[in-house]
Amino acid sequence: MTDSAGNPLAAAQRKAANRMAAEWRKAWREEVSTDSADGFRPMRGDEVEAWIKRRRDEMPRTGDEWATLDWMLDEYRERADTGTPLSGEVGRG
């Protein structure tokens, strides 16, 4: 496997980063679906939102890690805005 420039290392790194991003997304979904998350409602400006944002901002903006943390931050904020607990489903129109 190579990238568009024929670089096998870059392609392997991208594949590994994509796999890691998928694992993070899966872990997030599993964590928020457990009983321990029942009743926890995200709030804008709380410590959890700040922690996710700090971690995201530490990553290169072009990386899969940044994209995964950005997705988590968006999910968290949407739940805060809709009053949806972590264990609940956010209604999307």
N, C-alpha and C. Protein backbone atom coordinates (compact mmCIF):
# COMPACT_ATOMS: atom_id res chain seq x y z
N MET A 1 0.85 -1.17 0.00
CA MET A 1 0.00 0.00 0.00
C MET A 1 0.89 1.23 0.00
N THR A 2 0.52 2.18 -0.85
CA THR A 2 1.24 3.45 -0.90
C THR A 2 0.22 4.58 -0.96
N ASP A 3 0.70 5.79 -0.63
CA ASP A 3 -0.20 6.93 -0.78
C ASP A 3 -0.14 7.42 -2.22
N SER A 4 -0.82 8.52 -2.51
CA SER A 4 -0.88 9.01 -3.89
C SER A 4 0.48 9.39 -4.44
N ALA A 5 1.43 9.69 -3.56
CA ALA A 5 2.79 10.03 -3.99
C ALA A 5 3.69 8.80 -4.00
N GLY A 6 3.12 7.62 -3.72
CA GLY A 6 3.90 6.40 -3.72
C GLY A 6 4.67 6.15 -2.44
N ASN A 7 4.30 6.84 -1.35
CA ASN A 7 5.00 6.72 -0.09
C ASN A 7 4.34 5.65 0.78
N PRO A 8 4.99 4.47 0.93
CA PRO A 8 4.35 3.40 1.70
C PRO A 8 4.24 3.72 3.19
N LEU A 9 5.18 4.46 3.77
CA LEU A 9 5.13 4.78 5.19
C LEU A 9 3.95 5.69 5.50
N ALA A 10 3.75 6.73 4.70
CA ALA A 10 2.64 7.65 4.92
C ALA A 10 1.31 6.92 4.83
N ALA A 11 1.18 6.02 3.88
CA ALA A 11 -0.06 5.27 3.73
C ALA A 11 -0.30 4.37 4.93
N ALA A 12 0.75 3.73 5.44
CA ALA A 12 0.62 2.87 6.61
C ALA A 12 0.26 3.68 7.86
N GLN A 13 0.86 4.85 7.98
CA GLN A 13 0.55 5.72 9.13
C GLN A 13 -0.90 6.18 9.06
N ARG A 14 -1.38 6.52 7.87
CA ARG A 14 -2.76 6.97 7.71
C ARG A 14 -3.72 5.82 8.03
N LYS A 15 -3.38 4.62 7.59
CA LYS A 15 -4.22 3.45 7.88
C LYS A 15 -4.28 3.21 9.39
N ALA A 16 -3.14 3.30 10.07
CA ALA A 16 -3.10 3.11 11.52
C ALA A 16 -3.90 4.20 12.23
N ALA A 17 -3.78 5.43 11.78
CA ALA A 17 -4.52 6.54 12.39
C ALA A 17 -6.02 6.37 12.18
N ASN A 18 -6.42 5.91 11.00
CA ASN A 18 -7.84 5.68 10.74
C ASN A 18 -8.38 4.57 11.63
N ARG A 19 -7.58 3.53 11.83
CA ARG A 19 -7.99 2.42 12.71
C ARG A 19 -8.14 2.92 14.14
N MET A 20 -7.19 3.74 14.60
CA MET A 20 -7.24 4.29 15.95
C MET A 20 -8.46 5.19 16.11
N ALA A 21 -8.74 6.01 15.10
CA ALA A 21 -9.90 6.90 15.17
C ALA A 21 -11.19 6.08 15.27
N ALA A 22 -11.27 4.99 14.51
CA ALA A 22 -12.46 4.13 14.57
C ALA A 22 -12.60 3.50 15.95
N GLU A 23 -11.47 3.08 16.54
CA GLU A 23 -11.51 2.50 17.88
C GLU A 23 -11.95 3.52 18.91
N TRP A 24 -11.49 4.77 18.80
CA TRP A 24 -11.90 5.82 19.72
C TRP A 24 -13.39 6.07 19.62
N ARG A 25 -13.89 6.14 18.38
CA ARG A 25 -15.33 6.36 18.19
C ARG A 25 -16.14 5.23 18.81
N LYS A 26 -15.68 4.00 18.60
CA LYS A 26 -16.39 2.83 19.16
C LYS A 26 -16.36 2.88 20.69
N ALA A 27 -15.20 3.20 21.26
CA ALA A 27 -15.08 3.28 22.72
C ALA A 27 -15.98 4.37 23.28
N TRP A 28 -16.05 5.50 22.60
CA TRP A 28 -16.92 6.60 23.03
C TRP A 28 -18.36 6.12 23.08
N ARG A 29 -18.81 5.48 22.01
CA ARG A 29 -20.19 5.01 21.96
C ARG A 29 -20.47 3.97 23.04
N GLU A 30 -19.51 3.06 23.27
CA GLU A 30 -19.69 2.05 24.30
C GLU A 30 -19.71 2.68 25.68
N GLU A 31 -18.85 3.65 25.91
CA GLU A 31 -18.78 4.30 27.22
C GLU A 31 -20.06 5.05 27.52
N VAL A 32 -20.57 5.77 26.54
CA VAL A 32 -21.76 6.56 26.81
C VAL A 32 -23.02 5.71 26.84
N SER A 33 -22.92 4.44 26.46
CA SER A 33 -24.11 3.60 26.50
C SER A 33 -24.17 2.75 27.77
N THR A 34 -23.19 2.88 28.67
CA THR A 34 -23.18 2.10 29.90
C THR A 34 -24.07 2.74 30.95
N ASP A 35 -24.45 1.95 31.94
CA ASP A 35 -25.30 2.46 33.02
C ASP A 35 -24.64 3.60 33.78
N SER A 36 -23.31 3.61 33.85
CA SER A 36 -22.63 4.66 34.60
C SER A 36 -22.86 6.04 33.99
N ALA A 37 -23.19 6.08 32.72
CA ALA A 37 -23.43 7.36 32.06
C ALA A 37 -24.87 7.82 32.19
N ASP A 38 -25.76 6.94 32.66
CA ASP A 38 -27.17 7.32 32.79
C ASP A 38 -27.31 8.55 33.68
N GLY A 39 -28.06 9.49 33.21
CA GLY A 39 -28.32 10.67 34.02
C GLY A 39 -27.29 11.77 33.88
N PHE A 40 -26.10 11.48 33.37
CA PHE A 40 -25.10 12.54 33.20
C PHE A 40 -25.46 13.36 31.98
N ARG A 41 -25.73 14.62 32.21
CA ARG A 41 -26.09 15.51 31.11
C ARG A 41 -24.96 16.51 30.88
N PRO A 42 -24.40 16.49 29.68
CA PRO A 42 -23.36 17.46 29.36
C PRO A 42 -23.88 18.89 29.48
N MET A 43 -22.97 19.78 29.82
CA MET A 43 -23.30 21.20 29.92
C MET A 43 -22.22 22.00 29.21
N ARG A 44 -22.65 23.00 28.47
CA ARG A 44 -21.69 23.88 27.80
C ARG A 44 -20.79 24.52 28.86
N GLY A 45 -19.49 24.53 28.58
CA GLY A 45 -18.53 25.19 29.45
C GLY A 45 -18.09 24.38 30.65
N ASP A 46 -18.53 23.10 30.74
CA ASP A 46 -18.12 22.31 31.90
C ASP A 46 -16.71 21.75 31.71
N GLU A 47 -16.21 21.06 32.71
CA GLU A 47 -14.85 20.54 32.68
C GLU A 47 -14.65 19.50 31.59
N VAL A 48 -15.65 18.71 31.31
CA VAL A 48 -15.53 17.67 30.29
C VAL A 48 -15.37 18.31 28.91
N GLU A 49 -16.22 19.29 28.61
CA GLU A 49 -16.10 19.98 27.33
C GLU A 49 -14.72 20.63 27.20
N ALA A 50 -14.26 21.26 28.26
CA ALA A 50 -12.95 21.91 28.24
C ALA A 50 -11.83 20.90 28.03
N TRP A 51 -11.95 19.73 28.66
CA TRP A 51 -10.92 18.68 28.51
C TRP A 51 -10.86 18.18 27.08
N ILE A 52 -12.02 17.89 26.49
CA ILE A 52 -12.04 17.41 25.10
C ILE A 52 -11.45 18.48 24.18
N LYS A 53 -11.83 19.72 24.39
CA LYS A 53 -11.33 20.81 23.54
C LYS A 53 -9.82 20.98 23.68
N ARG A 54 -9.31 20.91 24.91
CA ARG A 54 -7.85 21.02 25.11
C ARG A 54 -7.13 19.92 24.36
N ARG A 55 -7.61 18.69 24.50
CA ARG A 55 -6.95 17.56 23.83
C ARG A 55 -7.00 17.73 22.32
N ARG A 56 -8.16 18.15 21.81
CA ARG A 56 -8.28 18.38 20.37
C ARG A 56 -7.30 19.44 19.90
N ASP A 57 -7.21 20.55 20.63
CA ASP A 57 -6.36 21.66 20.23
C ASP A 57 -4.87 21.33 20.32
N GLU A 58 -4.52 20.27 21.04
CA GLU A 58 -3.12 19.82 21.13
C GLU A 58 -2.70 19.04 19.89
N MET A 59 -3.66 18.57 19.10
CA MET A 59 -3.38 17.72 17.95
C MET A 59 -3.19 18.56 16.69
N PRO A 60 -2.40 18.04 15.75
CA PRO A 60 -2.32 18.72 14.45
C PRO A 60 -3.70 18.70 13.80
N ARG A 61 -4.13 19.82 13.28
CA ARG A 61 -5.49 19.94 12.75
C ARG A 61 -5.74 19.03 11.55
N THR A 62 -4.71 18.55 10.93
CA THR A 62 -4.87 17.71 9.75
C THR A 62 -4.95 16.22 10.09
N GLY A 63 -4.77 15.87 11.35
CA GLY A 63 -4.71 14.46 11.71
C GLY A 63 -6.06 13.86 12.05
N ASP A 64 -6.11 12.53 12.00
CA ASP A 64 -7.33 11.81 12.36
C ASP A 64 -7.64 11.95 13.84
N GLU A 65 -6.60 12.11 14.67
CA GLU A 65 -6.84 12.29 16.09
C GLU A 65 -7.63 13.57 16.32
N TRP A 66 -7.23 14.65 15.63
CA TRP A 66 -7.94 15.92 15.75
C TRP A 66 -9.39 15.74 15.31
N ALA A 67 -9.59 15.07 14.17
CA ALA A 67 -10.95 14.88 13.65
C ALA A 67 -11.81 14.08 14.63
N THR A 68 -11.23 13.07 15.26
CA THR A 68 -11.98 12.26 16.21
C THR A 68 -12.37 13.09 17.43
N LEU A 69 -11.43 13.85 17.97
CA LEU A 69 -11.74 14.68 19.12
C LEU A 69 -12.71 15.79 18.76
N ASP A 70 -12.62 16.31 17.54
CA ASP A 70 -13.57 17.32 17.09
C ASP A 70 -14.98 16.72 17.01
N TRP A 71 -15.07 15.49 16.52
CA TRP A 71 -16.36 14.79 16.47
C TRP A 71 -16.91 14.61 17.89
N MET A 72 -16.03 14.19 18.82
CA MET A 72 -16.47 14.01 20.21
C MET A 72 -16.98 15.33 20.79
N LEU A 73 -16.25 16.41 20.52
CA LEU A 73 -16.64 17.72 21.03
C LEU A 73 -18.00 18.14 20.45
N ASP A 74 -18.18 17.91 19.15
CA ASP A 74 -19.47 18.23 18.53
C ASP A 74 -20.60 17.42 19.15
N GLU A 75 -20.37 16.12 19.36
CA GLU A 75 -21.38 15.25 19.98
C GLU A 75 -21.71 15.73 21.39
N TYR A 76 -20.68 16.06 22.15
CA TYR A 76 -20.87 16.51 23.52
C TYR A 76 -21.67 17.80 23.55
N ARG A 77 -21.30 18.74 22.69
CA ARG A 77 -22.00 20.03 22.65
C ARG A 77 -23.45 19.87 22.19
N GLU A 78 -23.67 18.99 21.22
CA GLU A 78 -25.04 18.78 20.76
C GLU A 78 -25.90 18.22 21.88
N ARG A 79 -25.34 17.29 22.66
CA ARG A 79 -26.06 16.74 23.80
C ARG A 79 -26.33 17.83 24.84
N ALA A 80 -25.34 18.71 25.05
CA ALA A 80 -25.55 19.81 25.99
C ALA A 80 -26.67 20.72 25.50
N ASP A 81 -26.67 21.02 24.23
CA ASP A 81 -27.67 21.93 23.66
C ASP A 81 -29.08 21.34 23.68
N THR A 82 -29.18 20.01 23.54
CA THR A 82 -30.49 19.37 23.48
C THR A 82 -30.93 18.80 24.83
N GLY A 83 -30.04 18.83 25.84
CA GLY A 83 -30.36 18.28 27.14
C GLY A 83 -30.40 16.76 27.16
N THR A 84 -29.70 16.15 26.21
CA THR A 84 -29.67 14.69 26.10
C THR A 84 -28.57 14.11 26.97
N PRO A 85 -28.87 13.14 27.84
CA PRO A 85 -27.82 12.50 28.62
C PRO A 85 -26.87 11.72 27.71
N LEU A 86 -25.69 11.43 28.21
CA LEU A 86 -24.72 10.69 27.40
C LEU A 86 -25.25 9.36 26.93
N SER A 87 -26.09 8.75 27.75
CA SER A 87 -26.60 7.42 27.39
C SER A 87 -27.77 7.49 26.42
N GLY A 88 -28.30 8.68 26.14
CA GLY A 88 -29.45 8.82 25.27
C GLY A 88 -29.07 9.05 23.82
N GLU A 89 -30.07 8.92 22.97
CA GLU A 89 -29.90 9.19 21.55
C GLU A 89 -30.29 10.64 21.27
N VAL A 90 -29.46 11.32 20.49
CA VAL A 90 -29.78 12.68 20.09
C VAL A 90 -30.68 12.59 18.86
N GLY A 91 -31.82 13.24 18.93
CA GLY A 91 -32.72 13.25 17.78
C GLY A 91 -32.14 14.14 16.69
N ARG A 92 -31.97 13.58 15.53
CA ARG A 92 -31.43 14.35 14.39
C ARG A 92 -32.50 14.36 13.32
N GLY A 93 -32.79 15.56 12.84
CA GLY A 93 -33.84 15.75 11.85
C GLY A 93 -33.42 15.54 10.50
